[in-house]
N, C-alpha and C. Protein backbone atom coordinates (compact mmCIF):
# COMPACT_ATOMS: atom_id res chain seq x y z
N UNK A 1 32.75 -64.22 54.42
CA UNK A 1 31.52 -63.98 55.17
C UNK A 1 30.53 -65.10 54.86
N UNK A 2 29.94 -65.65 55.89
CA UNK A 2 29.00 -66.76 55.72
C UNK A 2 27.57 -66.28 55.86
N UNK A 3 26.69 -66.90 55.12
CA UNK A 3 25.26 -66.65 55.21
C UNK A 3 24.77 -67.38 56.45
N UNK A 4 23.90 -66.79 57.26
CA UNK A 4 23.47 -67.45 58.49
C UNK A 4 22.59 -68.67 58.24
N UNK A 5 22.05 -68.83 57.01
CA UNK A 5 21.19 -69.96 56.72
C UNK A 5 21.94 -71.09 56.01
N UNK A 6 23.11 -70.82 55.49
CA UNK A 6 23.84 -71.83 54.75
C UNK A 6 25.30 -71.81 55.16
N UNK A 7 26.01 -72.85 54.81
CA UNK A 7 27.43 -72.90 55.07
C UNK A 7 28.23 -72.37 53.89
N UNK A 8 27.55 -71.93 52.84
CA UNK A 8 28.22 -71.41 51.66
C UNK A 8 28.50 -69.92 51.85
N UNK A 9 29.54 -69.40 51.18
CA UNK A 9 29.78 -67.96 51.23
C UNK A 9 28.61 -67.20 50.60
N UNK A 10 28.38 -65.96 51.06
CA UNK A 10 27.28 -65.16 50.56
C UNK A 10 27.41 -64.91 49.06
N UNK A 11 28.64 -64.80 48.55
CA UNK A 11 28.82 -64.51 47.14
C UNK A 11 28.49 -65.69 46.24
N UNK A 12 28.36 -66.90 46.79
CA UNK A 12 28.00 -68.06 45.97
C UNK A 12 26.55 -67.94 45.54
N UNK A 13 26.27 -68.27 44.27
CA UNK A 13 24.91 -68.18 43.75
C UNK A 13 24.27 -69.56 43.78
N UNK A 14 23.16 -69.66 44.50
CA UNK A 14 22.44 -70.93 44.56
C UNK A 14 21.59 -71.10 43.30
N UNK A 15 21.18 -72.30 43.03
CA UNK A 15 20.32 -72.56 41.87
C UNK A 15 19.00 -71.80 42.00
N UNK A 16 18.45 -71.77 43.20
CA UNK A 16 17.18 -71.07 43.44
C UNK A 16 17.32 -69.57 43.15
N UNK A 17 18.42 -68.98 43.61
CA UNK A 17 18.65 -67.55 43.39
C UNK A 17 18.84 -67.27 41.89
N UNK A 18 19.60 -68.11 41.20
CA UNK A 18 19.82 -67.96 39.77
C UNK A 18 18.50 -68.02 39.01
N UNK A 19 17.65 -69.02 39.32
CA UNK A 19 16.37 -69.15 38.63
C UNK A 19 15.44 -67.98 38.91
N UNK A 20 15.42 -67.51 40.13
CA UNK A 20 14.57 -66.37 40.49
C UNK A 20 15.01 -65.12 39.74
N UNK A 21 16.31 -64.85 39.70
CA UNK A 21 16.83 -63.67 39.02
C UNK A 21 16.62 -63.75 37.51
N UNK A 22 16.95 -64.88 36.92
CA UNK A 22 16.80 -65.01 35.47
C UNK A 22 15.32 -65.00 35.07
N UNK A 23 14.45 -65.52 35.91
CA UNK A 23 13.01 -65.46 35.64
C UNK A 23 12.49 -64.03 35.66
N UNK A 24 12.96 -63.23 36.61
CA UNK A 24 12.54 -61.83 36.70
C UNK A 24 13.04 -61.05 35.49
N UNK A 25 14.28 -61.29 35.09
CA UNK A 25 14.82 -60.61 33.91
C UNK A 25 14.09 -61.03 32.65
N UNK A 26 13.77 -62.32 32.53
CA UNK A 26 13.03 -62.81 31.37
C UNK A 26 11.64 -62.20 31.30
N UNK A 27 10.97 -62.07 32.43
CA UNK A 27 9.64 -61.46 32.47
C UNK A 27 9.70 -60.00 32.07
N UNK A 28 10.71 -59.28 32.56
CA UNK A 28 10.86 -57.87 32.21
C UNK A 28 11.11 -57.71 30.71
N UNK A 29 11.90 -58.59 30.14
CA UNK A 29 12.18 -58.54 28.71
C UNK A 29 10.94 -58.88 27.90
N UNK A 30 10.20 -59.87 28.33
CA UNK A 30 9.02 -60.32 27.60
C UNK A 30 7.91 -59.28 27.61
N UNK A 31 7.82 -58.49 28.67
CA UNK A 31 6.76 -57.48 28.73
C UNK A 31 7.13 -56.21 28.00
N UNK A 32 8.33 -56.16 27.44
CA UNK A 32 8.71 -55.03 26.60
C UNK A 32 9.13 -53.80 27.36
N UNK A 33 9.61 -53.93 28.56
CA UNK A 33 10.09 -52.78 29.31
C UNK A 33 9.44 -52.69 30.66
N UNK A 34 9.77 -51.63 31.35
CA UNK A 34 9.33 -51.50 32.72
C UNK A 34 8.26 -50.44 32.92
N UNK A 35 7.91 -49.73 31.89
CA UNK A 35 6.91 -48.69 32.07
C UNK A 35 5.77 -48.85 31.08
N UNK A 36 4.69 -48.19 31.38
CA UNK A 36 3.52 -48.24 30.50
C UNK A 36 2.93 -46.84 30.43
N UNK A 37 2.62 -46.41 29.22
CA UNK A 37 2.05 -45.08 29.01
C UNK A 37 0.73 -45.26 28.29
N UNK A 38 -0.34 -44.72 28.87
CA UNK A 38 -1.65 -44.84 28.23
C UNK A 38 -2.38 -43.50 28.34
N UNK A 39 -3.25 -43.24 27.38
CA UNK A 39 -4.13 -42.09 27.47
C UNK A 39 -5.48 -42.60 27.94
N UNK A 40 -6.04 -41.95 28.94
CA UNK A 40 -7.27 -42.41 29.57
C UNK A 40 -8.50 -42.02 28.77
N UNK A 41 -9.14 -42.99 28.18
CA UNK A 41 -10.45 -42.82 27.54
C UNK A 41 -10.56 -41.61 26.62
N UNK A 42 -9.53 -41.31 25.86
CA UNK A 42 -9.58 -40.19 24.93
C UNK A 42 -9.57 -38.83 25.58
N UNK A 43 -9.48 -38.76 26.90
CA UNK A 43 -9.44 -37.49 27.60
C UNK A 43 -8.02 -36.94 27.55
N UNK A 44 -7.84 -35.74 28.01
CA UNK A 44 -6.51 -35.14 28.03
C UNK A 44 -5.79 -35.50 29.33
N UNK A 45 -5.80 -36.77 29.65
CA UNK A 45 -5.14 -37.28 30.85
C UNK A 45 -4.09 -38.28 30.41
N UNK A 46 -2.86 -38.07 30.81
CA UNK A 46 -1.78 -38.99 30.50
C UNK A 46 -1.45 -39.76 31.77
N UNK A 47 -1.52 -41.07 31.68
CA UNK A 47 -1.17 -41.91 32.82
C UNK A 47 0.10 -42.67 32.48
N UNK A 48 1.08 -42.59 33.37
CA UNK A 48 2.35 -43.27 33.18
C UNK A 48 2.58 -44.18 34.37
N UNK A 49 2.85 -45.45 34.07
CA UNK A 49 3.16 -46.40 35.14
C UNK A 49 4.62 -46.80 34.98
N UNK A 50 5.35 -46.72 36.05
CA UNK A 50 6.76 -47.06 36.01
C UNK A 50 7.08 -47.98 37.18
N UNK A 51 8.24 -48.59 37.14
CA UNK A 51 8.60 -49.56 38.18
C UNK A 51 9.13 -48.91 39.44
N UNK A 52 9.25 -47.58 39.47
CA UNK A 52 9.72 -46.88 40.66
C UNK A 52 9.15 -45.47 40.66
N UNK A 53 9.30 -44.77 41.77
CA UNK A 53 8.83 -43.39 41.88
C UNK A 53 9.82 -42.44 41.24
N UNK A 54 9.30 -41.36 40.65
CA UNK A 54 10.17 -40.33 40.11
C UNK A 54 10.89 -39.65 41.28
N UNK A 55 12.15 -39.30 41.06
CA UNK A 55 12.93 -38.68 42.13
C UNK A 55 13.15 -37.20 41.90
N UNK A 56 13.05 -36.74 40.64
CA UNK A 56 13.24 -35.33 40.35
C UNK A 56 12.44 -34.93 39.11
N UNK A 57 11.65 -33.88 39.22
CA UNK A 57 10.93 -33.36 38.06
C UNK A 57 11.80 -32.42 37.23
N UNK A 58 12.95 -32.05 37.74
CA UNK A 58 13.86 -31.16 37.03
C UNK A 58 14.80 -31.98 36.15
N UNK A 59 14.71 -31.83 34.82
CA UNK A 59 15.58 -32.62 33.93
C UNK A 59 17.06 -32.44 34.20
N UNK A 60 17.45 -31.29 34.75
CA UNK A 60 18.87 -31.06 35.05
C UNK A 60 19.36 -31.96 36.17
N UNK A 61 18.45 -32.48 36.98
CA UNK A 61 18.82 -33.33 38.10
C UNK A 61 18.23 -34.72 37.96
N UNK A 62 18.09 -35.19 36.75
CA UNK A 62 17.56 -36.52 36.48
C UNK A 62 18.46 -37.57 37.12
N UNK A 63 17.84 -38.55 37.75
CA UNK A 63 18.61 -39.57 38.45
C UNK A 63 18.49 -40.94 37.80
N UNK A 64 18.11 -40.99 36.54
CA UNK A 64 18.08 -42.28 35.86
C UNK A 64 16.90 -42.46 34.93
N UNK A 65 16.71 -43.70 34.54
CA UNK A 65 15.73 -44.06 33.52
C UNK A 65 14.30 -43.69 33.92
N UNK A 66 13.93 -43.91 35.16
CA UNK A 66 12.57 -43.62 35.60
C UNK A 66 12.27 -42.13 35.41
N UNK A 67 13.16 -41.28 35.87
CA UNK A 67 12.96 -39.84 35.72
C UNK A 67 12.90 -39.46 34.24
N UNK A 68 13.80 -40.01 33.43
CA UNK A 68 13.86 -39.65 32.02
C UNK A 68 12.62 -40.12 31.25
N UNK A 69 12.05 -41.27 31.62
CA UNK A 69 10.82 -41.73 30.95
C UNK A 69 9.68 -40.75 31.20
N UNK A 70 9.56 -40.27 32.42
CA UNK A 70 8.48 -39.34 32.75
C UNK A 70 8.76 -37.96 32.15
N UNK A 71 10.02 -37.53 32.16
CA UNK A 71 10.36 -36.25 31.53
C UNK A 71 9.99 -36.26 30.06
N UNK A 72 10.23 -37.39 29.38
CA UNK A 72 9.93 -37.46 27.95
C UNK A 72 8.42 -37.36 27.68
N UNK A 73 7.61 -37.65 28.67
CA UNK A 73 6.15 -37.55 28.51
C UNK A 73 5.62 -36.14 28.74
N UNK A 74 6.34 -35.34 29.53
CA UNK A 74 5.77 -34.05 29.92
C UNK A 74 6.54 -32.83 29.43
N UNK A 75 7.77 -33.01 28.95
CA UNK A 75 8.56 -31.87 28.50
C UNK A 75 8.85 -31.95 27.01
N UNK A 76 8.82 -30.80 26.34
CA UNK A 76 9.25 -30.73 24.95
C UNK A 76 10.77 -30.65 24.92
N UNK A 77 11.33 -31.15 23.83
CA UNK A 77 12.77 -31.06 23.60
C UNK A 77 12.96 -30.32 22.29
N UNK A 78 14.12 -29.73 22.07
CA UNK A 78 14.38 -29.09 20.79
C UNK A 78 14.28 -30.11 19.67
N UNK A 79 14.92 -31.27 19.86
CA UNK A 79 14.85 -32.37 18.91
C UNK A 79 14.63 -33.65 19.69
N UNK A 80 14.21 -34.70 19.00
CA UNK A 80 14.06 -36.01 19.63
C UNK A 80 14.43 -37.08 18.62
N UNK A 81 14.78 -38.25 19.12
CA UNK A 81 15.13 -39.35 18.23
C UNK A 81 13.90 -39.80 17.46
N UNK A 82 14.10 -40.16 16.20
CA UNK A 82 13.01 -40.72 15.40
C UNK A 82 12.75 -42.13 15.90
N UNK A 83 11.50 -42.50 16.11
CA UNK A 83 11.18 -43.85 16.57
C UNK A 83 11.72 -44.91 15.60
N UNK A 84 12.43 -45.88 16.15
CA UNK A 84 12.93 -46.99 15.35
C UNK A 84 14.16 -46.68 14.52
N UNK A 85 14.72 -45.50 14.65
CA UNK A 85 15.89 -45.12 13.84
C UNK A 85 17.03 -44.71 14.77
N UNK A 86 18.16 -45.39 14.68
CA UNK A 86 19.31 -45.03 15.49
C UNK A 86 19.95 -43.76 14.95
N UNK A 87 20.31 -42.87 15.83
CA UNK A 87 21.10 -41.68 15.53
C UNK A 87 20.41 -40.72 14.56
N UNK A 88 19.15 -40.88 14.28
CA UNK A 88 18.44 -39.95 13.42
C UNK A 88 17.45 -39.18 14.29
N UNK A 89 17.30 -37.90 14.03
CA UNK A 89 16.42 -37.10 14.87
C UNK A 89 15.36 -36.39 14.04
N UNK A 90 14.35 -35.89 14.76
CA UNK A 90 13.32 -35.06 14.16
C UNK A 90 13.13 -33.85 15.05
N UNK A 91 12.62 -32.77 14.49
CA UNK A 91 12.39 -31.55 15.26
C UNK A 91 11.22 -31.76 16.20
N UNK A 92 11.33 -31.21 17.40
CA UNK A 92 10.24 -31.28 18.37
C UNK A 92 9.77 -29.86 18.65
N UNK A 93 10.41 -29.16 19.56
CA UNK A 93 10.03 -27.77 19.84
C UNK A 93 10.74 -26.80 18.91
N UNK A 94 11.77 -27.25 18.24
CA UNK A 94 12.52 -26.39 17.32
C UNK A 94 11.89 -26.42 15.93
N UNK A 95 11.79 -25.25 15.32
CA UNK A 95 11.35 -25.14 13.94
C UNK A 95 12.52 -25.43 13.00
N UNK A 96 13.73 -25.00 13.45
CA UNK A 96 14.97 -25.29 12.73
C UNK A 96 16.09 -25.34 13.75
N UNK A 97 17.15 -26.06 13.40
CA UNK A 97 18.30 -26.19 14.30
C UNK A 97 19.55 -26.43 13.47
N UNK A 98 20.66 -25.81 13.91
CA UNK A 98 21.92 -25.97 13.19
C UNK A 98 23.07 -25.83 14.18
N UNK A 99 23.99 -26.79 14.16
CA UNK A 99 25.17 -26.70 15.01
C UNK A 99 26.22 -25.88 14.27
N UNK A 100 26.52 -24.70 14.82
CA UNK A 100 27.42 -23.75 14.18
C UNK A 100 28.88 -24.08 14.49
N UNK A 101 29.13 -24.49 15.72
CA UNK A 101 30.48 -24.88 16.15
C UNK A 101 30.34 -25.96 17.21
N UNK A 102 31.45 -26.37 17.79
CA UNK A 102 31.40 -27.41 18.82
C UNK A 102 30.62 -26.97 20.05
N UNK A 103 30.56 -25.66 20.29
CA UNK A 103 29.92 -25.16 21.50
C UNK A 103 28.71 -24.26 21.24
N UNK A 104 28.32 -24.10 19.97
CA UNK A 104 27.21 -23.20 19.67
C UNK A 104 26.20 -23.87 18.75
N UNK A 105 24.91 -23.78 19.15
CA UNK A 105 23.80 -24.31 18.36
C UNK A 105 22.81 -23.17 18.13
N UNK A 106 22.50 -22.92 16.87
CA UNK A 106 21.47 -21.93 16.53
C UNK A 106 20.16 -22.67 16.31
N UNK A 107 19.07 -22.14 16.87
CA UNK A 107 17.76 -22.77 16.69
C UNK A 107 16.68 -21.71 16.65
N UNK A 108 15.57 -22.07 16.05
CA UNK A 108 14.37 -21.23 16.02
C UNK A 108 13.24 -22.08 16.59
N UNK A 109 12.54 -21.54 17.59
CA UNK A 109 11.44 -22.26 18.22
C UNK A 109 10.17 -22.19 17.39
N UNK A 110 9.36 -23.23 17.48
CA UNK A 110 8.03 -23.20 16.88
C UNK A 110 7.18 -22.22 17.67
N UNK A 111 6.30 -21.53 17.01
CA UNK A 111 5.38 -20.59 17.68
C UNK A 111 4.25 -21.36 18.35
N UNK A 112 3.76 -20.82 19.46
CA UNK A 112 2.57 -21.35 20.10
C UNK A 112 2.79 -22.45 21.12
N UNK A 113 4.04 -22.74 21.51
CA UNK A 113 4.28 -23.73 22.56
C UNK A 113 4.06 -23.03 23.89
N UNK A 114 3.03 -23.45 24.61
CA UNK A 114 2.62 -22.75 25.82
C UNK A 114 3.02 -23.52 27.07
N UNK A 115 3.35 -22.79 28.13
CA UNK A 115 3.56 -23.38 29.44
C UNK A 115 2.20 -23.69 30.05
N UNK A 116 2.12 -24.69 30.89
CA UNK A 116 0.87 -24.96 31.59
C UNK A 116 0.66 -23.92 32.69
N UNK A 117 -0.56 -23.80 33.15
CA UNK A 117 -0.86 -22.89 34.24
C UNK A 117 -0.91 -21.43 33.84
N UNK A 118 -0.99 -21.14 32.53
CA UNK A 118 -1.12 -19.76 32.09
C UNK A 118 0.15 -18.93 32.18
N UNK A 119 1.33 -19.56 32.13
CA UNK A 119 2.59 -18.84 32.24
C UNK A 119 3.12 -18.31 30.91
N UNK A 120 2.35 -18.44 29.86
CA UNK A 120 2.72 -17.84 28.59
C UNK A 120 3.44 -18.77 27.64
N UNK A 121 3.92 -18.17 26.55
CA UNK A 121 4.56 -18.91 25.48
C UNK A 121 6.04 -19.16 25.78
N UNK A 122 6.53 -20.30 25.35
CA UNK A 122 7.94 -20.66 25.49
C UNK A 122 8.78 -19.72 24.63
N UNK A 123 9.85 -19.19 25.22
CA UNK A 123 10.73 -18.27 24.49
C UNK A 123 12.15 -18.85 24.44
N UNK A 124 12.97 -18.24 23.59
CA UNK A 124 14.37 -18.69 23.52
C UNK A 124 15.10 -18.42 24.83
N UNK A 125 14.69 -17.41 25.57
CA UNK A 125 15.31 -17.14 26.87
C UNK A 125 15.00 -18.26 27.86
N UNK A 126 13.81 -18.86 27.77
CA UNK A 126 13.47 -20.00 28.62
C UNK A 126 14.39 -21.17 28.32
N UNK A 127 14.60 -21.44 27.03
CA UNK A 127 15.47 -22.53 26.62
C UNK A 127 16.90 -22.26 27.05
N UNK A 128 17.36 -21.03 26.84
CA UNK A 128 18.71 -20.65 27.24
C UNK A 128 18.90 -20.84 28.76
N UNK A 129 17.90 -20.46 29.54
CA UNK A 129 17.96 -20.62 30.99
C UNK A 129 18.07 -22.10 31.38
N UNK A 130 17.35 -22.97 30.66
CA UNK A 130 17.36 -24.38 31.02
C UNK A 130 18.72 -25.03 30.77
N UNK A 131 19.50 -24.46 29.86
CA UNK A 131 20.85 -24.98 29.62
C UNK A 131 21.83 -24.35 30.57
């Protein structure tokens, strides 16, 4: 297949295309990622800027990195990775957690984790439903 502007095949990479792509990747790497999370003026407002629109607010139907970055800002998890530590975790919504078998995890939730909009306290039945 030929490109209508050149006599070269479409799959051939021109110097201009290579420089444009590598420059974009270098810029993304230099800026430390594709999203930005800031708290607005000490208020209880969380602003998240990402390189694309979120496609699903339901974590069960996450469609990639953009969705997962926003989910991590608004949803509690039983555990989460410790910042800067590979494969090490810390408790988040769980007060305690223990893997009993390959298919069973026992956990105790922290008290006082509330749903927004006045829907009450998070229960183990809520967590069970989400799985």
